[in-house]
Amino acid sequence: MLYSYESTPANCLVEMDEEPPRPLNDAALDVALQLALLLGARPVDEVEVMRKMVVDGSNTSGFQRTALIATGGSLDVGGRRHAIETICLEEDAARRMSNSVDGVTYRLDRLGIPLIEIATAPDITGGVEAREVAEEIGALLRATGRVRRGIGTIREDLNVSIEGGARIEIKGVQELRRIEEYVDREVARQETLLAVRDQLVQQRASAPAPLVLDLTELLDTVASGPTAGAKRKGNLVRALALPGFADRLRSAPGSEERLGRELADQARASGLGGLLHSDELPGHGLGPADVERIRSAMALNERDAFVLVVDRSPERAEAALRRVGARAAAALEGIPGETRDPLPDGRTRYSRPLPGRDRMYPETDVPPVPITREHLTRLRASLPERPAEQRARLLRSYPLPEEIVRQLVALGEVESLETLVRRGRSPGLVARLLTQDLPAALAARTMEPDASLPLETADALLAAAEAGRFSKEGIPSVLAALFAGAPSVEAALEKAGLGGPRVDDLDAVADRVVRANATLVRERGDAAFSPLMGDVMREVRGRRDGKEIAEALRRSIARLRAEPAA
């Protein structure tokens, strides 16, 4: 596999593995130790840096530097105490930019950034609980005021197993809200594969023989689909028999998971686009007669299945089928432990085998750092407020719902809330901006992780809304204009079409719209409200609150209906 690296102006010779590393970052070490103290963990006497081997090209040196900071500790969430096994400080990997048959390209802008790794004990029992624990850990990290913000800055590696299954690591989940889905779908995947194993045993399936057949000539007349014109295009069609696997590669009733997808993942991991299996045929350009010819050439009976791959390289095609055969053999035993990548739709895909435990050795280029009692005493004196304490104080101090307070703490926006409220802004409006409008605007613009709204700009925006310049429904439009380059709130108001005067006579606007649609109102009565609401909203253009607009429109409809018909 060829690995390519893109450097940026921020990179130095260390990231390019052309120069020895620097000592541990003092500020990063302090944050890790603070977190250990907040979790009640036991810091080590001396921090020793280790090298952890990586084989996916994400580190130019071939290893990741990591250091154990503390052990033990616990976290209380929802009335349950969850154990914390270890807290480590390590360096981030390079960012994968592209992945193809020709190789992988990484960007070095993230390589070497300090990461804090917190490992929980295996005492989390489901997806909901996993999300809640991850949220509390994220809130604790943000309470330090020293971590980067945004999607991807706090990432979760989810280790999931069920009785009879295996440990599966879902690597690098970036969205907190998706944790529950990833965990629950992995549980369903393992349950399905265990059921498939039992069915294969009943069918007396056996491990595939390492015999790969060339079917390029046999399928040369196929007119469409992946195998069409393979010979003419310079491709080869290779096949592997799966004895006793018939009807076990497709999805089980009521399940989206299937063994066929597991086999296809192995083909993709070898550089192919995927594979075809007999449970999905006829189809994909292969008719019943083609399937029968394949079965005859491979000497298969009705209990057997087969897979096909198409590729230009015979070595790559045969290597892919060897991996497919090994995965099919593993299906007879159960579920192999592996690392999987999270996909946007909530599923996961095979990435690589689980790494072994014996892949760490001492880093000789970075000196150890003793942790003194005086150092820990100094850090204890400046520990931040814990998330639970923040939530309790906010609920006492502000008229905000508990769920909104929870979101403010989870997002690390407590200081912003309190600063803006001290400046005279409404707690409810500030909370809406920080928990709803601002995150949505940042996500829509796919901003960089540290992107946010300067406090002065947020204050000016809220002041304009509270002064009646526009309604709270107009805040998303103003934010969109700001993130699109508007230099000030005033400029953003103009760009969003909210720069005109406030609409004071709302009843006059509503009356004009209603009388222009008098026939509709008389025919449909109150049912005319919905189609006319949009017309009024377009005229008011976000300058008045939606509730006020609705009330004015209902009054206008009632007045017209009360008049005698002409």
Protein backbone atom coordinates (compact mmCIF):
# COMPACT_ATOMS: atom_id res chain seq x y z
CA MET A 1 0.00 0.00 0.00
CA LEU A 2 1.33 3.43 -0.97
CA TYR A 3 0.97 6.19 1.65
CA SER A 4 1.21 9.85 0.62
CA TYR A 5 1.34 12.85 2.95
CA GLU A 6 0.25 16.47 2.48
CA SER A 7 2.10 18.98 4.62
CA THR A 8 0.79 22.40 5.64
CA PRO A 9 2.55 25.62 6.71
CA ALA A 10 1.86 24.60 10.33
CA ASN A 11 3.93 21.43 10.01
CA CYS A 12 7.58 21.05 11.02
CA LEU A 13 10.24 18.40 10.59
CA VAL A 14 8.93 16.43 13.60
CA GLU A 15 5.65 15.62 11.85
CA MET A 16 7.61 14.57 8.77
CA ASP A 17 9.71 12.22 10.92
CA GLU A 18 12.85 14.10 9.91
CA GLU A 19 13.68 15.39 13.39
CA PRO A 20 13.47 13.97 16.94
CA PRO A 21 10.32 14.82 18.93
CA ARG A 22 10.11 17.58 21.51
CA PRO A 23 9.50 16.93 25.25
CA LEU A 24 5.95 16.45 26.51
CA ASN A 25 3.81 19.57 26.26
CA ASP A 26 3.52 20.97 29.81
CA ALA A 27 0.07 22.49 29.26
CA ALA A 28 -1.33 19.24 27.81
CA LEU A 29 0.12 17.27 30.72
CA ASP A 30 -1.53 19.65 33.21
CA VAL A 31 -4.93 19.24 31.53
CA ALA A 32 -4.58 15.44 31.63
CA LEU A 33 -3.63 15.55 35.30
CA GLN A 34 -6.51 17.92 36.08
CA LEU A 35 -8.90 15.50 34.44
CA ALA A 36 -7.42 12.62 36.43
CA LEU A 37 -8.01 14.54 39.66
CA LEU A 38 -11.59 15.41 38.65
CA LEU A 39 -12.25 11.70 38.06
CA GLY A 40 -10.65 10.64 41.34
CA ALA A 41 -7.94 8.69 39.50
CA ARG A 42 -4.42 7.99 40.81
CA PRO A 43 -1.69 9.84 38.86
CA VAL A 44 1.51 7.91 38.19
CA ASP A 45 4.74 8.92 39.93
CA GLU A 46 6.54 9.37 36.63
CA VAL A 47 5.18 9.72 33.11
CA GLU A 48 6.98 7.42 30.67
CA VAL A 49 6.32 7.89 26.95
CA MET A 50 5.81 4.72 24.91
CA ARG A 51 5.68 3.96 21.20
CA LYS A 52 2.53 2.20 19.99
CA MET A 53 2.98 0.61 16.58
CA VAL A 54 0.47 1.52 13.87
CA VAL A 55 0.28 -0.09 10.44
CA ASP A 56 -2.28 2.03 8.59
CA GLY A 57 0.10 4.83 7.60
CA SER A 58 -1.56 7.44 9.84
CA ASN A 59 1.76 8.21 11.57
CA THR A 60 4.82 9.02 9.49
CA SER A 61 7.05 7.36 12.07
CA GLY A 62 5.12 4.08 12.06
CA PHE A 63 4.11 4.47 15.69
CA GLN A 64 2.02 6.70 17.95
CA ARG A 65 3.50 8.18 21.10
CA THR A 66 1.39 7.58 24.20
CA ALA A 67 1.90 7.98 27.94
CA LEU A 68 -0.02 6.63 30.92
CA ILE A 69 -1.06 9.52 33.20
CA ALA A 70 -3.35 7.91 35.79
CA THR A 71 -5.27 4.74 36.65
CA GLY A 72 -8.51 4.09 38.47
CA GLY A 73 -11.17 6.71 39.00
CA SER A 74 -14.90 6.79 38.42
CA LEU A 75 -17.71 8.81 36.91
CA ASP A 76 -21.27 9.05 38.24
CA VAL A 77 -23.93 9.19 35.52
CA GLY A 78 -27.65 8.71 36.00
CA GLY A 79 -27.29 7.24 39.46
CA ARG A 80 -24.69 4.67 38.39
CA ARG A 81 -20.96 4.74 39.04
CA HIS A 82 -18.82 3.83 36.03
CA ALA A 83 -15.19 2.87 36.54
CA ILE A 84 -12.39 4.64 34.67
CA GLU A 85 -9.50 2.26 34.00
CA THR A 86 -6.82 4.50 32.50
CA ILE A 87 -6.14 8.08 31.44
CA CYS A 88 -3.44 8.55 28.82
CA LEU A 89 -1.88 11.43 26.93
CA GLU A 90 -1.06 10.67 23.32
CA GLU A 91 -0.55 12.33 19.95
CA ASP A 92 -3.24 12.58 17.30
CA ALA A 93 -2.78 10.82 13.97
CA ALA A 94 -2.66 12.32 10.50
CA ARG A 95 -6.00 13.00 8.84
CA ARG A 96 -7.04 10.63 6.06
CA MET A 97 -8.01 12.65 2.99
CA SER A 98 -8.54 9.93 0.36
CA ASN A 99 -8.43 6.17 0.00
CA SER A 100 -8.25 4.31 -3.30
CA VAL A 101 -6.85 1.22 -4.95
CA ASP A 102 -3.65 3.17 -5.57
CA GLY A 103 -3.07 4.12 -1.93
CA VAL A 104 -4.02 6.39 0.96
CA THR A 105 -3.37 10.12 1.25
CA TYR A 106 -3.02 11.75 4.67
CA ARG A 107 -2.75 15.40 5.70
CA LEU A 108 -0.30 16.23 8.49
CA ASP A 109 -2.15 19.20 10.00
CA ARG A 110 -3.51 17.09 12.89
CA LEU A 111 -0.49 14.87 13.51
CA GLY A 112 1.05 15.36 16.94
CA ILE A 113 -1.76 17.40 18.51
CA PRO A 114 -2.10 16.26 22.15
CA LEU A 115 -5.01 13.92 22.85
CA ILE A 116 -6.36 12.73 26.18
CA GLU A 117 -7.55 9.13 26.04
CA ILE A 118 -9.98 8.03 28.77
CA ALA A 119 -10.74 4.31 28.93
CA THR A 120 -13.88 3.22 30.75
CA ALA A 121 -14.33 -0.22 32.31
CA PRO A 122 -16.63 -2.75 30.58
CA ASP A 123 -19.62 -1.84 32.78
CA ILE A 124 -21.79 0.04 30.24
CA THR A 125 -24.83 -2.01 29.31
CA GLY A 126 -26.34 -0.39 26.21
CA GLY A 127 -26.36 2.37 23.63
CA VAL A 128 -28.25 4.92 25.73
CA GLU A 129 -25.89 4.48 28.65
CA ALA A 130 -22.85 4.71 26.35
CA ARG A 131 -24.10 8.03 24.98
CA GLU A 132 -24.75 9.40 28.47
CA VAL A 133 -21.29 8.41 29.74
CA ALA A 134 -19.62 9.88 26.65
CA GLU A 135 -21.59 13.10 27.09
CA GLU A 136 -20.50 13.44 30.72
CA ILE A 137 -16.85 12.81 29.83
CA GLY A 138 -17.12 15.43 27.09
CA ALA A 139 -18.64 17.92 29.53
CA LEU A 140 -15.81 17.24 31.97
CA LEU A 141 -13.22 17.85 29.26
CA ARG A 142 -14.90 21.10 28.21
CA ALA A 143 -15.10 22.21 31.84
CA THR A 144 -11.31 22.53 31.79
CA GLY A 145 -11.64 25.23 29.12
CA ARG A 146 -8.59 23.76 27.38
CA VAL A 147 -9.99 21.42 24.72
CA ARG A 148 -10.86 22.18 21.11
CA ARG A 149 -14.52 22.35 20.17
CA GLY A 150 -16.64 21.12 17.30
CA ILE A 151 -17.53 17.79 15.67
CA GLY A 152 -14.53 15.48 15.64
CA THR A 153 -12.57 17.12 18.46
CA ILE A 154 -13.94 14.61 20.97
CA ARG A 155 -14.01 11.15 19.40
CA GLU A 156 -15.21 7.88 20.86
CA ASP A 157 -13.84 4.39 20.24
CA LEU A 158 -16.77 2.11 21.07
CA ASN A 159 -15.90 -1.41 22.17
CA VAL A 160 -19.01 -3.58 21.88
CA SER A 161 -19.52 -7.25 22.69
CA ILE A 162 -22.43 -9.53 23.56
CA GLU A 163 -22.60 -12.97 25.13
CA GLY A 164 -21.12 -15.44 22.67
CA GLY A 165 -19.84 -12.65 20.44
CA ALA A 166 -16.50 -10.85 20.27
CA ARG A 167 -15.06 -7.46 21.12
CA ILE A 168 -15.60 -5.11 18.19
CA GLU A 169 -13.97 -1.69 18.24
CA ILE A 170 -15.88 1.01 16.34
CA LYS A 171 -13.10 3.51 15.79
CA GLY A 172 -13.48 7.28 15.90
CA VAL A 173 -17.20 8.04 16.31
CA GLN A 174 -17.44 11.82 16.03
CA GLU A 175 -21.10 12.59 16.67
CA LEU A 176 -22.36 12.09 20.20
CA ARG A 177 -25.95 11.66 19.07
CA ARG A 178 -24.97 8.65 16.91
CA ILE A 179 -23.35 6.61 19.69
CA GLU A 180 -26.59 4.92 20.70
CA GLU A 181 -27.30 3.93 17.10
CA TYR A 182 -23.80 2.55 16.49
CA VAL A 183 -23.88 0.47 19.67
CA ASP A 184 -27.37 -0.89 19.11
CA ARG A 185 -26.69 -1.72 15.47
CA GLU A 186 -23.47 -3.51 16.39
CA VAL A 187 -25.40 -5.58 18.92
CA ALA A 188 -27.91 -6.44 16.18
CA ARG A 189 -25.06 -7.31 13.78
CA GLN A 190 -23.49 -9.71 16.25
CA GLU A 191 -26.84 -11.32 17.06
CA THR A 192 -27.49 -11.86 13.34
CA LEU A 193 -24.05 -13.35 12.71
CA LEU A 194 -24.34 -15.71 15.68
CA ALA A 195 -27.69 -16.90 14.31
CA VAL A 196 -26.07 -17.39 10.88
CA ARG A 197 -23.31 -19.44 12.50
CA ASP A 198 -25.86 -21.76 14.07
CA GLN A 199 -27.64 -22.16 10.73
CA LEU A 200 -24.37 -22.91 8.94
CA VAL A 201 -23.56 -25.58 11.50
CA GLN A 202 -27.01 -27.14 10.93
CA GLN A 203 -26.40 -27.07 7.18
CA ARG A 204 -23.02 -28.76 7.71
CA ALA A 205 -21.22 -25.94 5.97
CA SER A 206 -17.45 -26.19 5.78
CA ALA A 207 -14.53 -23.84 5.36
CA PRO A 208 -13.84 -22.95 1.72
CA ALA A 209 -11.00 -24.71 -0.03
CA PRO A 210 -8.27 -22.32 -1.23
CA LEU A 211 -9.22 -22.98 -4.86
CA VAL A 212 -9.91 -19.91 -7.00
CA LEU A 213 -11.47 -20.47 -10.41
CA ASP A 214 -11.14 -18.26 -13.49
CA LEU A 215 -14.58 -17.68 -15.05
CA THR A 216 -13.57 -14.89 -17.44
CA GLU A 217 -14.13 -16.96 -20.60
CA LEU A 218 -17.32 -18.55 -19.25
CA LEU A 219 -18.97 -15.18 -18.66
CA ASP A 220 -17.61 -13.41 -21.73
CA THR A 221 -21.08 -13.16 -23.31
CA VAL A 222 -22.75 -11.43 -20.34
CA ALA A 223 -24.18 -8.15 -21.66
CA SER A 224 -24.57 -6.03 -18.51
CA GLY A 225 -23.54 -5.74 -14.89
CA PRO A 226 -20.12 -5.90 -13.23
CA THR A 227 -18.96 -8.95 -15.21
CA ALA A 228 -20.02 -7.61 -18.64
CA GLY A 229 -17.20 -7.35 -21.16
CA ALA A 230 -14.60 -8.32 -18.57
CA LYS A 231 -12.26 -9.88 -21.11
CA ARG A 232 -12.59 -6.98 -23.53
CA LYS A 233 -11.88 -4.48 -20.75
CA GLY A 234 -8.84 -6.39 -19.56
CA ASN A 235 -10.55 -7.57 -16.37
CA LEU A 236 -10.63 -11.05 -14.88
CA VAL A 237 -13.55 -12.81 -13.19
CA ARG A 238 -12.52 -15.02 -10.29
CA ALA A 239 -14.79 -17.29 -8.22
CA LEU A 240 -14.64 -19.03 -4.85
CA ALA A 241 -16.96 -21.83 -3.69
CA LEU A 242 -18.56 -21.69 -0.23
CA PRO A 243 -19.63 -25.25 0.65
CA GLY A 244 -22.95 -25.37 2.51
CA PHE A 245 -23.41 -21.57 2.60
CA ALA A 246 -26.47 -21.38 0.30
CA ASP A 247 -29.18 -18.94 1.52
CA ARG A 248 -26.98 -17.71 4.39
CA LEU A 249 -25.34 -14.75 2.68
CA ARG A 250 -28.49 -12.66 2.29
CA SER A 251 -30.24 -10.65 5.01
CA ALA A 252 -32.27 -12.58 7.55
CA PRO A 253 -35.98 -11.67 7.85
CA GLY A 254 -36.34 -8.46 9.85
CA SER A 255 -32.62 -7.68 9.80
CA GLU A 256 -30.49 -5.37 7.69
CA GLU A 257 -27.33 -7.32 8.52
CA ARG A 258 -26.02 -10.15 6.36
CA LEU A 259 -22.96 -12.32 6.01
CA GLY A 260 -22.62 -11.30 2.37
CA ARG A 261 -21.81 -7.75 3.45
CA GLU A 262 -19.08 -9.04 5.77
CA LEU A 263 -17.48 -10.89 2.87
CA ALA A 264 -17.77 -7.84 0.61
CA ASP A 265 -15.96 -5.75 3.24
CA GLN A 266 -12.99 -8.11 2.96
CA ALA A 267 -12.92 -7.66 -0.81
CA ARG A 268 -13.00 -3.88 -0.36
CA ALA A 269 -10.20 -4.05 2.20
CA SER A 270 -8.12 -5.73 -0.54
CA GLY A 271 -8.68 -2.82 -2.91
CA LEU A 272 -11.68 -4.11 -4.85
CA GLY A 273 -15.03 -2.38 -5.17
CA GLY A 274 -16.89 -5.35 -3.67
CA LEU A 275 -18.15 -8.74 -4.84
CA LEU A 276 -21.18 -10.65 -6.08
CA HIS A 277 -22.54 -13.63 -4.17
CA SER A 278 -24.93 -16.35 -5.28
CA ASP A 279 -27.71 -15.41 -2.84
CA GLU A 280 -28.24 -12.17 -4.81
CA LEU A 281 -28.32 -13.94 -8.18
CA PRO A 282 -29.91 -14.00 -10.73
CA GLY A 283 -29.35 -10.28 -10.90
CA HIS A 284 -26.63 -7.71 -11.61
CA GLY A 285 -26.66 -8.71 -15.30
CA LEU A 286 -26.43 -12.46 -14.63
CA GLY A 287 -29.52 -14.48 -15.61
CA PRO A 288 -30.65 -17.94 -14.44
CA ALA A 289 -28.78 -19.62 -17.26
CA ASP A 290 -25.56 -17.81 -16.32
CA VAL A 291 -25.93 -18.89 -12.71
CA GLU A 292 -26.43 -22.50 -13.75
CA ARG A 293 -23.34 -22.37 -15.96
CA ILE A 294 -21.31 -21.04 -13.02
CA ARG A 295 -22.61 -23.77 -10.70
CA SER A 296 -21.86 -26.45 -13.27
CA ALA A 297 -18.33 -25.17 -13.92
CA MET A 298 -17.66 -25.09 -10.17
CA ALA A 299 -19.32 -28.49 -9.53
CA LEU A 300 -21.63 -27.04 -6.86
CA ASN A 301 -24.82 -28.52 -5.46
CA GLU A 302 -27.91 -26.70 -4.19
CA ARG A 303 -26.44 -26.36 -0.66
CA ASP A 304 -23.38 -24.47 -1.88
CA ALA A 305 -22.87 -20.77 -2.46
CA PHE A 306 -20.20 -18.90 -4.38
CA VAL A 307 -18.71 -15.42 -4.68
CA LEU A 308 -17.37 -13.59 -7.74
CA VAL A 309 -14.89 -10.74 -7.96
CA VAL A 310 -13.87 -8.71 -10.99
CA ASP A 311 -10.52 -6.96 -11.23
CA ARG A 312 -7.69 -6.24 -13.65
CA SER A 313 -5.04 -7.70 -11.35
CA PRO A 314 -5.08 -11.49 -10.84
CA GLU A 315 -2.94 -11.11 -7.71
CA ARG A 316 -5.34 -8.60 -6.15
CA ALA A 317 -8.43 -10.63 -7.09
CA GLU A 318 -6.99 -13.83 -5.65
CA ALA A 319 -5.75 -12.06 -2.51
CA ALA A 320 -9.26 -10.67 -2.03
CA LEU A 321 -10.80 -14.14 -2.36
CA ARG A 322 -8.33 -15.57 0.15
CA ARG A 323 -9.53 -12.94 2.63
CA VAL A 324 -13.16 -13.70 1.75
CA GLY A 325 -12.51 -17.40 2.30
CA ALA A 326 -10.89 -16.75 5.68
CA ARG A 327 -13.86 -14.60 6.75
CA ALA A 328 -16.31 -17.30 5.64
CA ALA A 329 -14.36 -19.87 7.66
CA ALA A 330 -14.48 -17.56 10.69
CA ALA A 331 -18.28 -17.35 10.32
CA LEU A 332 -18.44 -21.04 11.22
CA GLU A 333 -16.87 -20.25 14.59
CA GLY A 334 -18.79 -17.06 15.40
CA ILE A 335 -17.60 -13.47 15.15
CA PRO A 336 -13.95 -12.45 14.73
CA GLY A 337 -12.76 -9.52 16.81
CA GLU A 338 -11.98 -6.56 14.57
CA THR A 339 -11.84 -2.79 14.23
CA ARG A 340 -14.65 -1.18 12.22
CA ASP A 341 -15.16 2.28 10.78
CA PRO A 342 -18.42 4.17 11.50
CA LEU A 343 -20.47 5.07 8.41
CA PRO A 344 -22.78 8.10 8.10
CA ASP A 345 -25.92 5.93 8.01
CA GLY A 346 -25.27 4.35 11.42
CA ARG A 347 -23.73 1.14 10.05
CA THR A 348 -20.07 0.18 10.34
CA ARG A 349 -17.57 -1.35 7.95
CA TYR A 350 -14.57 -3.62 8.49
CA SER A 351 -11.33 -1.68 8.82
CA ARG A 352 -8.63 -4.01 10.18
CA PRO A 353 -8.02 -6.78 12.72
CA LEU A 354 -7.93 -5.81 16.38
CA PRO A 355 -4.38 -4.86 17.35
CA GLY A 356 -2.58 -7.12 19.77
CA ARG A 357 -1.44 -6.14 23.24
CA ASP A 358 2.27 -6.51 22.46
CA ARG A 359 2.67 -3.50 20.20
CA MET A 360 4.15 -1.00 22.68
CA TYR A 361 7.76 -0.33 23.56
CA PRO A 362 9.60 2.58 25.26
CA GLU A 363 10.11 5.91 23.47
CA THR A 364 13.82 6.64 23.89
CA ASP A 365 13.72 10.17 22.40
CA VAL A 366 11.39 11.74 24.99
CA PRO A 367 12.60 12.01 28.62
CA PRO A 368 10.30 10.86 31.44
CA VAL A 369 8.50 13.49 33.52
CA PRO A 370 8.28 13.06 37.34
CA ILE A 371 4.92 14.03 38.88
CA THR A 372 5.60 15.67 42.21
CA ARG A 373 3.26 16.17 45.15
CA GLU A 374 3.71 19.94 44.80
CA HIS A 375 2.63 19.76 41.15
CA LEU A 376 -0.58 17.93 42.04
CA THR A 377 -1.31 20.30 44.95
CA ARG A 378 -1.06 23.28 42.61
CA LEU A 379 -3.45 21.64 40.13
CA ARG A 380 -5.95 20.69 42.85
CA ALA A 381 -6.16 24.32 43.89
CA SER A 382 -7.40 25.36 40.44
CA LEU A 383 -9.74 22.49 39.49
CA PRO A 384 -12.73 23.65 37.44
CA GLU A 385 -16.33 23.24 38.50
CA ARG A 386 -17.62 19.74 37.74
CA PRO A 387 -20.47 19.34 35.22
CA ALA A 388 -22.94 18.17 37.91
CA GLU A 389 -22.12 21.27 39.96
CA GLN A 390 -22.53 23.50 36.90
CA ARG A 391 -25.96 22.03 36.11
CA ALA A 392 -27.18 22.45 39.68
CA ARG A 393 -25.99 26.08 39.84
CA LEU A 394 -27.52 27.03 36.48
CA LEU A 395 -30.88 25.53 37.47
CA ARG A 396 -30.81 27.59 40.65
CA SER A 397 -29.74 30.80 38.92
CA TYR A 398 -31.71 30.93 35.68
CA PRO A 399 -35.29 30.12 34.59
CA LEU A 400 -34.17 27.48 32.10
CA PRO A 401 -35.49 23.93 31.49
CA GLU A 402 -33.31 21.11 32.77
CA GLU A 403 -32.70 19.72 29.26
CA ILE A 404 -31.44 23.10 28.03
CA VAL A 405 -29.11 23.36 31.03
CA ARG A 406 -27.80 19.87 30.27
CA GLN A 407 -27.07 20.89 26.68
CA LEU A 408 -25.31 24.11 27.75
CA VAL A 409 -22.99 22.15 30.04
CA ALA A 410 -22.37 19.42 27.46
CA LEU A 411 -21.47 22.03 24.83
CA GLY A 412 -19.16 23.90 27.20
CA GLU A 413 -21.18 27.11 26.84
CA VAL A 414 -21.70 27.93 30.53
CA GLU A 415 -19.22 30.81 30.57
CA SER A 416 -20.70 32.28 27.37
CA LEU A 417 -24.22 32.08 28.82
CA GLU A 418 -23.25 33.82 32.05
CA THR A 419 -21.21 36.53 30.32
CA LEU A 420 -24.05 37.41 27.93
CA VAL A 421 -26.65 37.38 30.74
CA ARG A 422 -24.44 39.73 32.79
CA ARG A 423 -24.51 42.07 29.80
CA GLY A 424 -28.28 42.18 30.07
CA ARG A 425 -29.34 39.55 27.56
CA SER A 426 -32.34 37.29 28.18
CA PRO A 427 -31.26 33.87 29.54
CA GLY A 428 -33.83 32.10 27.36
CA LEU A 429 -32.71 33.81 24.15
CA VAL A 430 -29.03 33.29 24.96
CA ALA A 431 -29.65 29.59 25.66
CA ARG A 432 -31.53 29.20 22.37
CA LEU A 433 -28.64 30.80 20.47
CA LEU A 434 -25.99 28.63 22.14
CA THR A 435 -27.81 25.27 22.06
CA GLN A 436 -29.87 25.47 18.85
CA ASP A 437 -29.16 28.25 16.38
CA LEU A 438 -25.38 28.46 16.66
CA PRO A 439 -24.65 24.67 16.49
CA ALA A 440 -27.00 24.35 13.51
CA ALA A 441 -25.33 27.26 11.70
CA LEU A 442 -21.84 25.84 12.31
CA ALA A 443 -22.90 22.38 11.12
CA ALA A 444 -24.54 23.81 7.99
CA ARG A 445 -21.35 25.64 7.07
CA THR A 446 -19.09 22.64 7.95
CA MET A 447 -16.85 25.07 9.80
CA GLU A 448 -13.43 24.21 11.17
CA PRO A 449 -13.54 22.60 14.67
CA ASP A 450 -12.53 25.80 16.50
CA ALA A 451 -14.95 28.03 14.56
CA SER A 452 -17.48 29.85 16.70
CA LEU A 453 -19.16 33.21 17.13
CA PRO A 454 -17.14 35.91 18.89
CA LEU A 455 -18.80 36.94 22.14
CA GLU A 456 -19.04 40.58 21.05
CA THR A 457 -20.83 39.55 17.85
CA ALA A 458 -23.22 37.29 19.77
CA ASP A 459 -23.98 40.18 22.13
CA ALA A 460 -24.70 42.56 19.23
CA LEU A 461 -26.93 39.98 17.52
CA LEU A 462 -28.97 39.35 20.68
CA ALA A 463 -29.22 43.07 21.42
CA ALA A 464 -30.67 43.67 17.95
CA ALA A 465 -33.20 40.87 18.42
CA GLU A 466 -34.24 42.13 21.85
CA ALA A 467 -34.62 45.65 20.48
CA GLY A 468 -37.21 44.35 18.04
CA ARG A 469 -35.03 44.74 14.93
CA PHE A 470 -35.97 41.17 13.99
CA SER A 471 -37.61 38.18 15.62
CA LYS A 472 -35.86 35.18 17.11
CA GLU A 473 -36.95 33.21 14.04
CA GLY A 474 -34.58 35.45 12.07
CA ILE A 475 -31.49 34.47 14.07
CA PRO A 476 -30.54 31.53 11.79
CA SER A 477 -30.60 33.83 8.75
CA VAL A 478 -28.38 36.39 10.49
CA LEU A 479 -25.92 33.69 11.58
CA ALA A 480 -25.80 32.29 8.05
CA ALA A 481 -24.95 35.75 6.74
CA LEU A 482 -22.24 36.22 9.37
CA PHE A 483 -20.60 32.89 8.59
CA ALA A 484 -20.85 33.67 4.88
CA GLY A 485 -18.62 36.69 5.42
CA ALA A 486 -20.80 39.59 6.61
CA PRO A 487 -18.40 41.81 8.63
CA SER A 488 -20.92 42.89 11.29
CA VAL A 489 -24.39 42.21 12.63
CA GLU A 490 -25.70 45.28 10.77
CA ALA A 491 -24.27 44.00 7.50
CA ALA A 492 -25.67 40.53 8.23
CA LEU A 493 -29.15 42.01 8.80
CA GLU A 494 -29.00 43.69 5.40
CA LYS A 495 -27.70 40.54 3.72
CA ALA A 496 -30.47 38.46 5.34
CA GLY A 497 -33.14 40.91 4.22
CA LEU A 498 -33.88 42.03 7.76
CA GLY A 499 -32.38 45.49 7.55
CA GLY A 500 -35.62 47.38 6.97
CA PRO A 501 -37.78 49.01 9.63
CA ARG A 502 -39.74 46.97 12.12
CA VAL A 503 -43.24 46.03 10.99
CA ASP A 504 -45.31 47.75 13.68
CA ASP A 505 -48.79 47.53 12.18
CA LEU A 506 -48.97 43.75 11.91
CA ASP A 507 -52.77 43.79 11.72
CA ALA A 508 -52.62 45.98 8.59
CA VAL A 509 -50.30 43.49 6.85
CA ALA A 510 -52.51 40.56 7.84
CA ASP A 511 -55.68 42.39 6.70
CA ARG A 512 -54.15 43.15 3.32
CA VAL A 513 -53.19 39.47 2.77
CA VAL A 514 -56.60 38.20 3.96
CA ARG A 515 -58.61 40.61 1.77
CA ALA A 516 -56.48 39.74 -1.25
CA ASN A 517 -57.59 36.13 -0.65
CA ALA A 518 -61.17 36.82 0.48
CA THR A 519 -62.68 34.09 -1.69
CA LEU A 520 -60.34 31.48 -0.20
CA VAL A 521 -61.17 32.63 3.35
CA ARG A 522 -64.96 32.50 2.77
CA GLU A 523 -64.74 29.07 1.15
CA ARG A 524 -62.38 27.44 3.64
CA GLY A 525 -62.89 29.48 6.82
CA ASP A 526 -60.28 28.81 9.48
CA ALA A 527 -58.66 26.25 7.19
CA ALA A 528 -57.34 29.18 5.13
CA PHE A 529 -54.94 29.99 7.97
CA SER A 530 -52.09 27.70 6.88
CA PRO A 531 -51.77 28.83 3.23
CA LEU A 532 -52.05 32.50 4.22
CA MET A 533 -49.52 32.26 7.06
CA GLY A 534 -46.72 31.81 4.55
CA ASP A 535 -47.82 34.92 2.64
CA VAL A 536 -47.76 37.05 5.80
CA MET A 537 -44.40 35.61 6.89
CA ARG A 538 -42.87 36.54 3.53
CA GLU A 539 -44.00 40.15 3.93
CA VAL A 540 -42.86 40.48 7.51
CA ARG A 541 -39.53 38.78 6.64
CA GLY A 542 -38.52 37.68 10.15
CA ARG A 543 -39.06 41.08 11.77
CA ARG A 544 -41.82 39.90 14.09
CA ASP A 545 -42.30 36.85 16.27
CA GLY A 546 -44.14 33.93 14.70
CA LYS A 547 -46.68 33.76 17.53
CA GLU A 548 -47.55 37.45 17.04
CA ILE A 549 -47.95 36.91 13.30
CA ALA A 550 -50.26 33.94 13.81
CA GLU A 551 -52.45 35.85 16.26
CA ALA A 552 -52.74 38.84 13.87
CA LEU A 553 -53.67 36.56 10.97
CA ARG A 554 -56.37 34.79 12.99
CA ARG A 555 -57.86 38.18 13.98
CA SER A 556 -57.95 39.28 10.33
CA ILE A 557 -59.62 36.04 9.21
CA ALA A 558 -62.22 36.40 11.97
CA ARG A 559 -62.96 40.01 11.00
CA LEU A 560 -63.52 39.11 7.34
CA ARG A 561 -65.76 36.16 8.19
CA ALA A 562 -67.82 38.37 10.49
CA GLU A 563 -68.61 40.77 7.63
CA PRO A 564 -71.78 40.09 5.61
CA ALA A 565 -71.10 38.48 2.24
CA ALA A 566 -71.31 40.86 -0.71
